[in-house]
């Protein structure tokens, strides 16, 4: 079972709001997930991002791979460093 850390889209039409979730790679984008580890709201001026860094690190240690977008967001937040790639 491949586990990914990815974005799940929520919110209304043209008003996206994302949850950062840990999910099986075969699950649908907005479907079943193992754990929610943060949120991302791109519509705000400063693009609000909240993350549970200890849970993200836990899942990465267990073998979960973040998607490219999530990796960029986590690096910007300072959760991922050069070692955690």
C-alpha atoms as a PDB file:
ATOM      1  CA  UNK A   1       0.000   0.000   0.000  1.00  0.00           C
ATOM      2  CA  UNK A   2       1.555   3.307  -1.103  1.00  0.00           C
ATOM      3  CA  UNK A   3       0.662   6.205   1.187  1.00  0.00           C
ATOM      4  CA  UNK A   4       0.698   9.808  -0.007  1.00  0.00           C
ATOM      5  CA  UNK A   5       0.333  13.164   1.692  1.00  0.00           C
ATOM      6  CA  UNK A   6      -1.887  15.177  -0.637  1.00  0.00           C
ATOM      7  CA  UNK A   7      -4.550  17.853  -0.937  1.00  0.00           C
ATOM      8  CA  UNK A   8      -8.270  17.030  -0.711  1.00  0.00           C
ATOM      9  CA  UNK A   9     -10.479  19.761  -2.159  1.00  0.00           C
ATOM     10  CA  UNK A  10     -13.419  21.101  -0.176  1.00  0.00           C
ATOM     11  CA  UNK A  11     -15.379  24.344  -0.255  1.00  0.00           C
ATOM     12  CA  UNK A  12     -17.828  25.806  -2.715  1.00  0.00           C
ATOM     13  CA  UNK A  13     -17.581  26.293  -6.445  1.00  0.00           C
ATOM     14  CA  UNK A  14     -14.785  28.789  -7.275  1.00  0.00           C
ATOM     15  CA  UNK A  15     -13.949  29.031  -3.541  1.00  0.00           C
ATOM     16  CA  UNK A  16     -11.537  26.165  -2.930  1.00  0.00           C
ATOM     17  CA  UNK A  17     -10.417  25.116   0.512  1.00  0.00           C
ATOM     18  CA  UNK A  18      -8.021  22.205   0.901  1.00  0.00           C
ATOM     19  CA  UNK A  19      -7.271  19.701   3.627  1.00  0.00           C
ATOM     20  CA  UNK A  20      -3.807  18.179   3.725  1.00  0.00           C
ATOM     21  CA  UNK A  21      -4.489  14.483   4.222  1.00  0.00           C
ATOM     22  CA  UNK A  22      -2.592  11.222   4.429  1.00  0.00           C
ATOM     23  CA  UNK A  23      -4.277   8.731   2.115  1.00  0.00           C
ATOM     24  CA  UNK A  24      -3.730   5.509   0.228  1.00  0.00           C
ATOM     25  CA  UNK A  25      -2.579   6.404  -3.287  1.00  0.00           C
ATOM     26  CA  UNK A  26      -5.470   4.434  -4.799  1.00  0.00           C
ATOM     27  CA  UNK A  27      -8.175   6.342  -2.869  1.00  0.00           C
ATOM     28  CA  UNK A  28     -10.101   9.076  -4.691  1.00  0.00           C
ATOM     29  CA  UNK A  29      -8.874  12.666  -4.275  1.00  0.00           C
ATOM     30  CA  UNK A  30     -11.711  13.666  -1.934  1.00  0.00           C
ATOM     31  CA  UNK A  31     -12.396  10.150  -0.685  1.00  0.00           C
ATOM     32  CA  UNK A  32     -11.199   8.045   2.179  1.00  0.00           C
ATOM     33  CA  UNK A  33      -8.087   9.138   4.045  1.00  0.00           C
ATOM     34  CA  UNK A  34      -6.089   7.910   7.025  1.00  0.00           C
ATOM     35  CA  UNK A  35      -5.527  11.223   8.810  1.00  0.00           C
ATOM     36  CA  UNK A  36      -5.956  14.949   8.262  1.00  0.00           C
ATOM     37  CA  UNK A  37      -2.677  16.752   9.048  1.00  0.00           C
ATOM     38  CA  UNK A  38      -3.487  20.327   8.044  1.00  0.00           C
ATOM     39  CA  UNK A  39      -5.422  22.831   5.958  1.00  0.00           C
ATOM     40  CA  UNK A  40      -4.650  25.248   3.131  1.00  0.00           C
ATOM     41  CA  UNK A  41      -6.787  28.224   2.107  1.00  0.00           C
ATOM     42  CA  UNK A  42      -5.385  29.782  -1.107  1.00  0.00           C
ATOM     43  CA  UNK A  43      -8.113  32.438  -1.427  1.00  0.00           C
ATOM     44  CA  UNK A  44      -6.876  34.566   1.480  1.00  0.00           C
ATOM     45  CA  UNK A  45      -4.352  37.308   0.708  1.00  0.00           C
ATOM     46  CA  UNK A  46      -1.563  35.499   2.551  1.00  0.00           C
ATOM     47  CA  UNK A  47      -2.741  31.957   1.628  1.00  0.00           C
ATOM     48  CA  UNK A  48      -3.339  30.597   5.135  1.00  0.00           C
ATOM     49  CA  UNK A  49      -1.627  27.278   5.852  1.00  0.00           C
ATOM     50  CA  UNK A  50      -1.934  25.290   9.077  1.00  0.00           C
ATOM     51  CA  UNK A  51      -0.021  22.057   9.604  1.00  0.00           C
ATOM     52  CA  UNK A  52       0.601  19.515  12.374  1.00  0.00           C
ATOM     53  CA  UNK A  53       4.382  19.201  11.854  1.00  0.00           C
ATOM     54  CA  UNK A  54       4.869  16.278  14.250  1.00  0.00           C
ATOM     55  CA  UNK A  55       2.229  14.201  12.441  1.00  0.00           C
ATOM     56  CA  UNK A  56       3.674  15.058   9.006  1.00  0.00           C
ATOM     57  CA  UNK A  57       7.136  13.955  10.143  1.00  0.00           C
ATOM     58  CA  UNK A  58       5.646  10.770  11.652  1.00  0.00           C
ATOM     59  CA  UNK A  59       4.005   9.803   8.351  1.00  0.00           C
ATOM     60  CA  UNK A  60       7.115  10.615   6.321  1.00  0.00           C
ATOM     61  CA  UNK A  61       9.149   8.375   8.648  1.00  0.00           C
ATOM     62  CA  UNK A  62       6.603   5.617   8.008  1.00  0.00           C
ATOM     63  CA  UNK A  63       7.144   5.964   4.243  1.00  0.00           C
ATOM     64  CA  UNK A  64       4.457   8.411   3.091  1.00  0.00           C
ATOM     65  CA  UNK A  65       5.492  10.585   0.152  1.00  0.00           C
ATOM     66  CA  UNK A  66       4.121  14.116  -0.246  1.00  0.00           C
ATOM     67  CA  UNK A  67       2.904  15.258  -3.648  1.00  0.00           C
ATOM     68  CA  UNK A  68       4.848  18.041  -5.374  1.00  0.00           C
ATOM     69  CA  UNK A  69       2.373  20.734  -4.291  1.00  0.00           C
ATOM     70  CA  UNK A  70       2.277  19.551  -0.684  1.00  0.00           C
ATOM     71  CA  UNK A  71       6.078  19.283  -0.602  1.00  0.00           C
ATOM     72  CA  UNK A  72       6.325  22.919  -1.726  1.00  0.00           C
ATOM     73  CA  UNK A  73       3.834  24.052   0.921  1.00  0.00           C
ATOM     74  CA  UNK A  74       5.600  22.102   3.679  1.00  0.00           C
ATOM     75  CA  UNK A  75       8.986  23.516   2.693  1.00  0.00           C
ATOM     76  CA  UNK A  76       7.559  27.030   2.764  1.00  0.00           C
ATOM     77  CA  UNK A  77       6.178  26.345   6.253  1.00  0.00           C
ATOM     78  CA  UNK A  78       9.542  24.939   7.374  1.00  0.00           C
ATOM     79  CA  UNK A  79       8.276  21.430   8.149  1.00  0.00           C
ATOM     80  CA  UNK A  80      10.465  19.766   5.522  1.00  0.00           C
ATOM     81  CA  UNK A  81      14.152  20.378   5.268  1.00  0.00           C
ATOM     82  CA  UNK A  82      16.795  18.973   2.983  1.00  0.00           C
ATOM     83  CA  UNK A  83      16.924  15.789   5.095  1.00  0.00           C
ATOM     84  CA  UNK A  84      13.182  15.008   4.895  1.00  0.00           C
ATOM     85  CA  UNK A  85      12.980  14.808   1.100  1.00  0.00           C
END
